[in-house]
């Protein structure tokens, strides 16, 4: 049934997410789901995550430059060449 295949493809299992992130076990994924950090759906005892929610969660984990690193004085390429 095509519609059911599309629905199944619309969700990721914690095991699939763990595989993508190269975790040895899916435990960190379950921890993120259980603490509410990673949105998930529960179908019976099974948990599933929408790909868009997974992407947003991964993006939220990106490290940004600290404020102190961005407040350093700017140095131009010309200053480095002339030095």
Protein backbone atom coordinates (compact mmCIF):
# COMPACT_ATOMS: atom_id res chain seq x y z
CA UNK A 1 0.00 0.00 0.00
CA UNK A 2 1.71 3.21 -1.20
CA UNK A 3 0.19 5.53 1.44
CA UNK A 4 1.44 3.34 4.30
CA UNK A 5 4.93 3.24 2.81
CA UNK A 6 4.96 7.06 2.64
CA UNK A 7 3.92 7.32 6.29
CA UNK A 8 6.58 4.84 7.39
CA UNK A 9 9.24 6.78 5.48
CA UNK A 10 8.07 9.99 7.18
CA UNK A 11 9.51 8.88 10.54
CA UNK A 12 12.91 7.83 11.88
CA UNK A 13 13.46 5.31 14.63
CA UNK A 14 15.85 6.04 17.51
CA UNK A 15 18.06 3.27 16.11
CA UNK A 16 18.22 4.97 12.71
CA UNK A 17 19.12 8.29 14.32
CA UNK A 18 21.81 6.61 16.42
CA UNK A 19 23.23 5.04 13.26
CA UNK A 20 23.33 8.41 11.45
CA UNK A 21 25.09 10.02 14.43
CA UNK A 22 27.42 7.02 14.77
CA UNK A 23 26.38 6.33 18.36
CA UNK A 24 27.20 2.83 19.59
CA UNK A 25 23.72 2.51 21.10
CA UNK A 26 20.44 4.42 20.71
CA UNK A 27 20.43 5.28 24.44
CA UNK A 28 21.46 8.96 23.93
CA UNK A 29 18.63 9.35 21.42
CA UNK A 30 16.11 7.86 23.86
CA UNK A 31 17.49 10.17 26.58
CA UNK A 32 16.97 13.21 24.33
CA UNK A 33 13.42 12.06 23.56
CA UNK A 34 12.55 11.28 27.18
CA UNK A 35 13.79 14.64 28.49
CA UNK A 36 11.82 16.46 25.77
CA UNK A 37 14.88 17.78 23.94
CA UNK A 38 14.08 15.80 20.76
CA UNK A 39 10.39 15.85 19.77
CA UNK A 40 8.98 12.41 19.07
CA UNK A 41 5.75 10.54 18.52
CA UNK A 42 4.83 7.46 20.46
CA UNK A 43 2.92 4.66 18.78
CA UNK A 44 2.29 2.07 21.45
CA UNK A 45 5.75 1.42 22.88
CA UNK A 46 7.55 2.60 19.74
CA UNK A 47 9.00 6.10 19.45
CA UNK A 48 9.39 7.83 16.11
CA UNK A 49 10.90 11.17 15.09
CA UNK A 50 10.04 13.26 12.05
CA UNK A 51 13.09 14.02 9.89
CA UNK A 52 12.47 17.79 10.16
CA UNK A 53 12.46 17.55 13.97
CA UNK A 54 15.70 15.54 13.83
CA UNK A 55 17.34 18.15 11.58
CA UNK A 56 16.24 20.98 13.87
CA UNK A 57 17.54 19.12 16.92
CA UNK A 58 20.91 18.51 15.27
CA UNK A 59 21.10 22.17 14.24
CA UNK A 60 20.32 23.24 17.82
CA UNK A 61 23.42 21.33 18.95
CA UNK A 62 25.74 23.37 16.72
CA UNK A 63 28.40 25.20 18.68
CA UNK A 64 28.45 28.93 18.03
CA UNK A 65 31.49 31.18 18.52
CA UNK A 66 31.61 32.59 22.02
CA UNK A 67 31.00 36.29 22.59
CA UNK A 68 34.61 36.80 23.66
CA UNK A 69 35.85 35.35 20.38
CA UNK A 70 33.68 37.73 18.35
CA UNK A 71 34.64 40.81 20.41
CA UNK A 72 38.34 40.46 19.61
CA UNK A 73 39.76 43.35 17.60
CA UNK A 74 39.44 42.87 13.88
CA UNK A 75 42.66 42.29 11.98
CA UNK A 76 42.66 42.86 8.27
CA UNK A 77 44.63 40.87 5.75
CA UNK A 78 46.60 44.07 4.96
CA UNK A 79 47.69 44.31 8.65
CA UNK A 80 48.98 40.74 8.53
CA UNK A 81 50.87 41.30 5.29
CA UNK A 82 52.48 44.56 6.51
CA UNK A 83 53.59 43.03 9.81
